[in-house]
Amino acid sequence: MRIVAGVHRGRTIDAPEGLTTRPMTDRVRENLFNILGQDMTGAVVLDLFCGSGALGLEALSRGAATATFVDADRAAVAVAESNCRRLGLMERARILRCDALRPGPWLRPSNASGAAAYTLVFCDPPYALTADARGQERLAEMAGKIVRLGRLARGAVVMLRAERGKAVALPWPDFAMADERTYGTTTLFLMTYRGQAGSEGTA
């Protein structure tokens, strides 16, 4: 795996071993950022179910201000941290081992971002979660929690990755569908937050 563009273009990054994570290919990641825009300057990024951290790292390489990486898997968190250190990005990164479906420190502002709300969210859960109706409900509830705590900026973009051909109930409340793209066995859903940022709460 490699960083596609930005100041770290061409730098290699590691992926966790085993079958627990399904790293997004460089080609799909490149297509995604062609849609999102090449310049991420000032973006405040949340990378949920981050795995190797490739999506958040790509955003940081393209100028994002900060990225918060969240994964419950110990090996994934270790690899994401190793990748951040190798690229010299630790000052702009926050890496947390916790369940993305439960309230946690990722719902609170970091020292790096201050009170800045997230402007870009990558949500790349296990395919089994998006293929199951209850799993889809839990993801929507998670999005609602982020909204209620005022952690999303108006106009923020959320990417949800799912397996091709699976019926996914979208958009979430307070969101609008912006785009849908399928690449091989993967479908990427892009939603835009249309509500108002709320008051900061306690996670």
C-alpha atoms as a PDB file:
ATOM      1  CA  MET A   1       0.000   0.000   0.000  1.00  0.00           C
ATOM      2  CA  ARG A   2       1.157   3.538  -0.673  1.00  0.00           C
ATOM      3  CA  ILE A   3       0.098   7.145  -0.234  1.00  0.00           C
ATOM      4  CA  VAL A   4      -1.396   8.255  -3.539  1.00  0.00           C
ATOM      5  CA  ALA A   5      -0.881  12.038  -3.437  1.00  0.00           C
ATOM      6  CA  GLY A   6       0.234  14.998  -1.375  1.00  0.00           C
ATOM      7  CA  VAL A   7       3.492  15.626   0.442  1.00  0.00           C
ATOM      8  CA  HIS A   8       3.920  11.914   1.205  1.00  0.00           C
ATOM      9  CA  ARG A   9       3.041  10.712  -2.295  1.00  0.00           C
ATOM     10  CA  GLY A  10       4.554   7.320  -3.050  1.00  0.00           C
ATOM     11  CA  ARG A  11       5.456   6.507   0.564  1.00  0.00           C
ATOM     12  CA  THR A  12       4.546   2.961   1.528  1.00  0.00           C
ATOM     13  CA  ILE A  13       2.342   2.121   4.494  1.00  0.00           C
ATOM     14  CA  ASP A  14       1.729  -1.187   6.236  1.00  0.00           C
ATOM     15  CA  ALA A  15      -1.561  -3.038   6.627  1.00  0.00           C
ATOM     16  CA  PRO A  16      -2.546  -5.263   9.568  1.00  0.00           C
ATOM     17  CA  GLU A  17      -1.883  -8.940   8.974  1.00  0.00           C
ATOM     18  CA  GLY A  18      -4.680 -11.471   8.698  1.00  0.00           C
ATOM     19  CA  LEU A  19      -8.254 -11.281   7.436  1.00  0.00           C
ATOM     20  CA  THR A  20      -9.743  -9.013  10.115  1.00  0.00           C
ATOM     21  CA  THR A  21      -9.352  -5.880   7.998  1.00  0.00           C
ATOM     22  CA  ARG A  22      -9.894  -5.322   4.264  1.00  0.00           C
ATOM     23  CA  PRO A  23      -7.583  -2.495   3.243  1.00  0.00           C
ATOM     24  CA  MET A  24      -8.992  -0.268   0.523  1.00  0.00           C
ATOM     25  CA  THR A  25      -6.848  -0.616  -2.579  1.00  0.00           C
ATOM     26  CA  ASP A  26      -4.720   2.300  -3.746  1.00  0.00           C
ATOM     27  CA  ARG A  27      -6.864   2.587  -6.879  1.00  0.00           C
ATOM     28  CA  VAL A  28     -10.149   2.846  -4.981  1.00  0.00           C
ATOM     29  CA  ARG A  29      -8.611   5.326  -2.549  1.00  0.00           C
ATOM     30  CA  GLU A  30      -7.370   7.414  -5.465  1.00  0.00           C
ATOM     31  CA  ASN A  31     -10.850   7.424  -7.022  1.00  0.00           C
ATOM     32  CA  LEU A  32     -12.400   8.395  -3.692  1.00  0.00           C
ATOM     33  CA  PHE A  33     -10.134  11.406  -3.288  1.00  0.00           C
ATOM     34  CA  ASN A  34     -10.756  12.404  -6.897  1.00  0.00           C
ATOM     35  CA  ILE A  35     -14.393  12.789  -5.834  1.00  0.00           C
ATOM     36  CA  LEU A  36     -13.652  14.464  -2.486  1.00  0.00           C
ATOM     37  CA  GLY A  37     -11.077  16.821  -3.962  1.00  0.00           C
ATOM     38  CA  GLN A  38      -7.317  16.758  -4.059  1.00  0.00           C
ATOM     39  CA  ASP A  39      -6.791  19.566  -1.539  1.00  0.00           C
ATOM     40  CA  MET A  40      -7.717  18.659   2.045  1.00  0.00           C
ATOM     41  CA  THR A  41      -6.205  21.800   3.578  1.00  0.00           C
ATOM     42  CA  GLY A  42      -7.687  22.496   7.011  1.00  0.00           C
ATOM     43  CA  ALA A  43      -9.911  19.388   7.103  1.00  0.00           C
ATOM     44  CA  VAL A  44     -10.637  17.832  10.500  1.00  0.00           C
ATOM     45  CA  VAL A  45     -10.842  14.109   9.820  1.00  0.00           C
ATOM     46  CA  LEU A  46     -12.367  11.184  11.695  1.00  0.00           C
ATOM     47  CA  ASP A  47     -11.293   7.729  10.468  1.00  0.00           C
ATOM     48  CA  LEU A  48     -13.601   5.120  12.031  1.00  0.00           C
ATOM     49  CA  PHE A  49     -12.728   1.409  11.794  1.00  0.00           C
ATOM     50  CA  CYS A  50      -9.437   2.799  10.536  1.00  0.00           C
ATOM     51  CA  GLY A  51      -7.457  -0.404  10.017  1.00  0.00           C
ATOM     52  CA  SER A  52      -4.068   0.696   8.665  1.00  0.00           C
ATOM     53  CA  GLY A  53      -5.183   4.329   8.805  1.00  0.00           C
ATOM     54  CA  ALA A  54      -4.734   4.670   5.050  1.00  0.00           C
ATOM     55  CA  LEU A  55      -7.707   6.996   4.532  1.00  0.00           C
ATOM     56  CA  GLY A  56      -6.790   9.380   7.332  1.00  0.00           C
ATOM     57  CA  LEU A  57      -3.131   9.288   6.288  1.00  0.00           C
ATOM     58  CA  GLU A  58      -4.075  10.142   2.716  1.00  0.00           C
ATOM     59  CA  ALA A  59      -6.050  13.134   3.985  1.00  0.00           C
ATOM     60  CA  LEU A  60      -3.137  14.292   6.160  1.00  0.00           C
ATOM     61  CA  SER A  61      -0.763  13.967   3.213  1.00  0.00           C
ATOM     62  CA  ARG A  62      -3.098  16.246   1.256  1.00  0.00           C
ATOM     63  CA  GLY A  63      -3.156  18.943   3.924  1.00  0.00           C
ATOM     64  CA  ALA A  64      -5.764  17.938   6.522  1.00  0.00           C
ATOM     65  CA  ALA A  65      -5.245  19.755   9.824  1.00  0.00           C
ATOM     66  CA  THR A  66      -5.813  16.719  12.052  1.00  0.00           C
ATOM     67  CA  ALA A  67      -7.006  13.129  11.862  1.00  0.00           C
ATOM     68  CA  THR A  68      -8.466  10.965  14.614  1.00  0.00           C
ATOM     69  CA  PHE A  69      -8.011   7.228  14.018  1.00  0.00           C
ATOM     70  CA  VAL A  70     -10.369   4.808  15.788  1.00  0.00           C
ATOM     71  CA  ASP A  71     -10.304   1.008  15.784  1.00  0.00           C
ATOM     72  CA  ALA A  72     -11.117  -1.675  18.354  1.00  0.00           C
ATOM     73  CA  ASP A  73      -8.489  -4.076  17.008  1.00  0.00           C
ATOM     74  CA  ARG A  74      -5.165  -3.909  18.840  1.00  0.00           C
ATOM     75  CA  ALA A  75      -3.102  -4.910  15.801  1.00  0.00           C
ATOM     76  CA  ALA A  76      -4.819  -2.338  13.575  1.00  0.00           C
ATOM     77  CA  VAL A  77      -4.189   0.463  16.072  1.00  0.00           C
ATOM     78  CA  ALA A  78      -0.531  -0.540  16.361  1.00  0.00           C
ATOM     79  CA  VAL A  79      -0.098  -0.465  12.582  1.00  0.00           C
ATOM     80  CA  ALA A  80      -1.912   2.876  12.236  1.00  0.00           C
ATOM     81  CA  GLU A  81       0.358   4.390  14.888  1.00  0.00           C
ATOM     82  CA  SER A  82       3.455   2.922  13.226  1.00  0.00           C
ATOM     83  CA  ASN A  83       2.403   4.397   9.876  1.00  0.00           C
ATOM     84  CA  CYS A  84       1.819   7.822  11.437  1.00  0.00           C
ATOM     85  CA  ARG A  85       5.225   7.751  13.115  1.00  0.00           C
ATOM     86  CA  ARG A  86       7.030   6.670   9.958  1.00  0.00           C
ATOM     87  CA  LEU A  87       5.489   9.562   8.028  1.00  0.00           C
ATOM     88  CA  GLY A  88       6.155  12.066  10.803  1.00  0.00           C
ATOM     89  CA  LEU A  89       2.465  12.800  11.330  1.00  0.00           C
ATOM     90  CA  MET A  90       2.014  12.086  15.038  1.00  0.00           C
ATOM     91  CA  GLU A  91       1.598  15.772  15.938  1.00  0.00           C
ATOM     92  CA  ARG A  92      -1.492  15.953  13.734  1.00  0.00           C
ATOM     93  CA  ALA A  93      -2.845  12.503  14.606  1.00  0.00           C
ATOM     94  CA  ARG A  94      -4.854  11.062  17.475  1.00  0.00           C
ATOM     95  CA  ILE A  95      -4.973   7.257  17.607  1.00  0.00           C
ATOM     96  CA  LEU A  96      -7.532   5.563  19.832  1.00  0.00           C
ATOM     97  CA  ARG A  97      -8.228   1.910  20.514  1.00  0.00           C
ATOM     98  CA  CYS A  98     -11.960   1.796  21.197  1.00  0.00           C
ATOM     99  CA  ASP A  99     -15.283   0.675  19.745  1.00  0.00           C
ATOM    100  CA  ALA A 100     -16.459   3.120  17.088  1.00  0.00           C
ATOM    101  CA  LEU A 101     -20.062   2.168  17.835  1.00  0.00           C
ATOM    102  CA  ARG A 102     -19.863   3.273  21.466  1.00  0.00           C
ATOM    103  CA  PRO A 103     -19.370   6.794  22.851  1.00  0.00           C
ATOM    104  CA  GLY A 104     -15.720   7.377  23.592  1.00  0.00           C
ATOM    105  CA  PRO A 105     -12.858   9.881  23.544  1.00  0.00           C
ATOM    106  CA  TRP A 106     -13.112  10.235  19.787  1.00  0.00           C
ATOM    107  CA  LEU A 107     -16.342  12.169  20.408  1.00  0.00           C
ATOM    108  CA  ARG A 108     -14.438  14.790  22.382  1.00  0.00           C
ATOM    109  CA  PRO A 109     -12.188  17.444  20.827  1.00  0.00           C
ATOM    110  CA  SER A 110      -8.474  16.691  20.843  1.00  0.00           C
ATOM    111  CA  ASN A 111      -5.832  19.151  21.974  1.00  0.00           C
ATOM    112  CA  ALA A 112      -4.721  19.403  18.354  1.00  0.00           C
ATOM    113  CA  SER A 113      -8.121  20.296  16.912  1.00  0.00           C
ATOM    114  CA  GLY A 114      -9.467  22.278  19.865  1.00  0.00           C
ATOM    115  CA  ALA A 115     -13.240  22.585  19.550  1.00  0.00           C
ATOM    116  CA  ALA A 116     -13.176  22.095  15.780  1.00  0.00           C
ATOM    117  CA  ALA A 117     -15.907  19.773  14.541  1.00  0.00           C
ATOM    118  CA  TYR A 118     -15.161  17.014  12.063  1.00  0.00           C
ATOM    119  CA  THR A 119     -15.463  18.067   8.425  1.00  0.00           C
ATOM    120  CA  LEU A 120     -14.717  14.656   6.891  1.00  0.00           C
ATOM    121  CA  VAL A 121     -15.586  11.231   8.274  1.00  0.00           C
ATOM    122  CA  PHE A 122     -14.427   7.897   6.870  1.00  0.00           C
ATOM    123  CA  CYS A 123     -16.547   4.988   8.096  1.00  0.00           C
ATOM    124  CA  ASP A 124     -15.203   1.628   6.927  1.00  0.00           C
ATOM    125  CA  PRO A 125     -16.858  -1.015   9.141  1.00  0.00           C
ATOM    126  CA  PRO A 126     -16.707  -4.786   8.618  1.00  0.00           C
ATOM    127  CA  TYR A 127     -18.897  -5.812   5.693  1.00  0.00           C
ATOM    128  CA  ALA A 128     -20.995  -7.947   8.051  1.00  0.00           C
ATOM    129  CA  LEU A 129     -22.081  -4.795   9.877  1.00  0.00           C
ATOM    130  CA  THR A 130     -23.391  -3.008   6.778  1.00  0.00           C
ATOM    131  CA  ALA A 131     -24.981  -6.201   5.435  1.00  0.00           C
ATOM    132  CA  ASP A 132     -27.117  -6.653   8.556  1.00  0.00           C
ATOM    133  CA  ALA A 133     -30.197  -4.519   9.274  1.00  0.00           C
ATOM    134  CA  ARG A 134     -29.352  -4.172  12.962  1.00  0.00           C
ATOM    135  CA  GLY A 135     -25.774  -3.304  12.058  1.00  0.00           C
ATOM    136  CA  GLN A 136     -27.026  -0.546   9.780  1.00  0.00           C
ATOM    137  CA  GLU A 137     -29.187   0.780  12.613  1.00  0.00           C
ATOM    138  CA  ARG A 138     -26.177   0.853  14.938  1.00  0.00           C
ATOM    139  CA  LEU A 139     -24.168   2.825  12.383  1.00  0.00           C
ATOM    140  CA  ALA A 140     -27.004   5.336  12.011  1.00  0.00           C
ATOM    141  CA  GLU A 141     -27.229   5.630  15.810  1.00  0.00           C
ATOM    142  CA  MET A 142     -23.489   6.292  15.918  1.00  0.00           C
ATOM    143  CA  ALA A 143     -23.886   9.064  13.349  1.00  0.00           C
ATOM    144  CA  GLY A 144     -26.732  10.529  15.405  1.00  0.00           C
ATOM    145  CA  LYS A 145     -24.526  10.601  18.492  1.00  0.00           C
ATOM    146  CA  ILE A 146     -21.826  12.531  16.611  1.00  0.00           C
ATOM    147  CA  VAL A 147     -24.472  15.029  15.488  1.00  0.00           C
ATOM    148  CA  ARG A 148     -26.046  15.463  18.945  1.00  0.00           C
ATOM    149  CA  LEU A 149     -22.667  16.204  20.494  1.00  0.00           C
ATOM    150  CA  GLY A 150     -21.979  18.897  17.927  1.00  0.00           C
ATOM    151  CA  ARG A 151     -18.977  17.064  16.507  1.00  0.00           C
ATOM    152  CA  LEU A 152     -19.939  17.475  12.841  1.00  0.00           C
ATOM    153  CA  ALA A 153     -19.532  20.724  10.941  1.00  0.00           C
ATOM    154  CA  ARG A 154     -22.400  21.748   8.700  1.00  0.00           C
ATOM    155  CA  GLY A 155     -21.622  20.437   5.226  1.00  0.00           C
ATOM    156  CA  ALA A 156     -19.340  17.697   6.567  1.00  0.00           C
ATOM    157  CA  VAL A 157     -18.924  14.726   4.241  1.00  0.00           C
ATOM    158  CA  VAL A 158     -19.255  11.154   5.487  1.00  0.00           C
ATOM    159  CA  MET A 159     -18.036   8.180   3.479  1.00  0.00           C
ATOM    160  CA  LEU A 160     -19.522   4.764   4.243  1.00  0.00           C
ATOM    161  CA  ARG A 161     -18.020   1.662   2.648  1.00  0.00           C
ATOM    162  CA  ALA A 162     -20.118  -1.458   2.088  1.00  0.00           C
ATOM    163  CA  GLU A 163     -20.031  -4.645   0.073  1.00  0.00           C
ATOM    164  CA  ARG A 164     -21.298  -4.339  -3.481  1.00  0.00           C
ATOM    165  CA  GLY A 165     -24.888  -5.418  -3.977  1.00  0.00           C
ATOM    166  CA  LYS A 166     -25.965  -5.113  -0.350  1.00  0.00           C
ATOM    167  CA  ALA A 167     -29.055  -3.025   0.364  1.00  0.00           C
ATOM    168  CA  VAL A 168     -28.021  -0.251   2.735  1.00  0.00           C
ATOM    169  CA  ALA A 169     -30.650   2.066   4.267  1.00  0.00           C
ATOM    170  CA  LEU A 170     -29.318   5.554   3.517  1.00  0.00           C
ATOM    171  CA  PRO A 171     -29.103   8.471   3.980  1.00  0.00           C
ATOM    172  CA  TRP A 172     -29.002   8.800   7.736  1.00  0.00           C
ATOM    173  CA  PRO A 173     -31.222  11.412   9.452  1.00  0.00           C
ATOM    174  CA  ASP A 174     -29.893  14.951   8.904  1.00  0.00           C
ATOM    175  CA  PHE A 175     -27.817  13.747   5.947  1.00  0.00           C
ATOM    176  CA  ALA A 176     -28.273  13.939   2.186  1.00  0.00           C
ATOM    177  CA  MET A 177     -26.902  11.471  -0.348  1.00  0.00           C
ATOM    178  CA  ALA A 178     -24.200  13.106  -2.432  1.00  0.00           C
ATOM    179  CA  ASP A 179     -22.738  10.243  -4.446  1.00  0.00           C
ATOM    180  CA  GLU A 180     -22.505   6.476  -4.780  1.00  0.00           C
ATOM    181  CA  ARG A 181     -19.690   4.662  -6.565  1.00  0.00           C
ATOM    182  CA  THR A 182     -18.933   0.971  -6.994  1.00  0.00           C
ATOM    183  CA  TYR A 183     -15.448  -0.386  -7.611  1.00  0.00           C
ATOM    184  CA  GLY A 184     -15.139  -4.161  -7.871  1.00  0.00           C
ATOM    185  CA  THR A 185     -16.652  -5.673  -4.721  1.00  0.00           C
ATOM    186  CA  THR A 186     -16.830  -2.330  -2.902  1.00  0.00           C
ATOM    187  CA  THR A 187     -19.481   0.389  -2.897  1.00  0.00           C
ATOM    188  CA  LEU A 188     -18.734   3.818  -1.468  1.00  0.00           C
ATOM    189  CA  PHE A 189     -21.624   5.968  -0.253  1.00  0.00           C
ATOM    190  CA  LEU A 190     -20.994   9.686   0.253  1.00  0.00           C
ATOM    191  CA  MET A 191     -23.364  11.694   2.435  1.00  0.00           C
ATOM    192  CA  THR A 192     -23.393  15.361   3.372  1.00  0.00           C
ATOM    193  CA  TYR A 193     -24.477  16.564   6.803  1.00  0.00           C
ATOM    194  CA  ARG A 194     -27.228  19.158   6.332  1.00  0.00           C
ATOM    195  CA  GLY A 195     -28.172  19.917   9.921  1.00  0.00           C
ATOM    196  CA  GLN A 196     -26.826  22.472  12.350  1.00  0.00           C
ATOM    197  CA  ALA A 197     -23.838  21.758  14.538  1.00  0.00           C
ATOM    198  CA  GLY A 198     -25.135  21.285  18.084  1.00  0.00           C
ATOM    199  CA  SER A 199     -23.756  22.198  21.473  1.00  0.00           C
ATOM    200  CA  GLU A 200     -20.704  20.362  22.706  1.00  0.00           C
ATOM    201  CA  GLY A 201     -21.721  17.550  25.008  1.00  0.00           C
ATOM    202  CA  THR A 202     -20.046  14.854  27.049  1.00  0.00           C
ATOM    203  CA  ALA A 203     -19.336  11.479  25.492  1.00  0.00           C
END
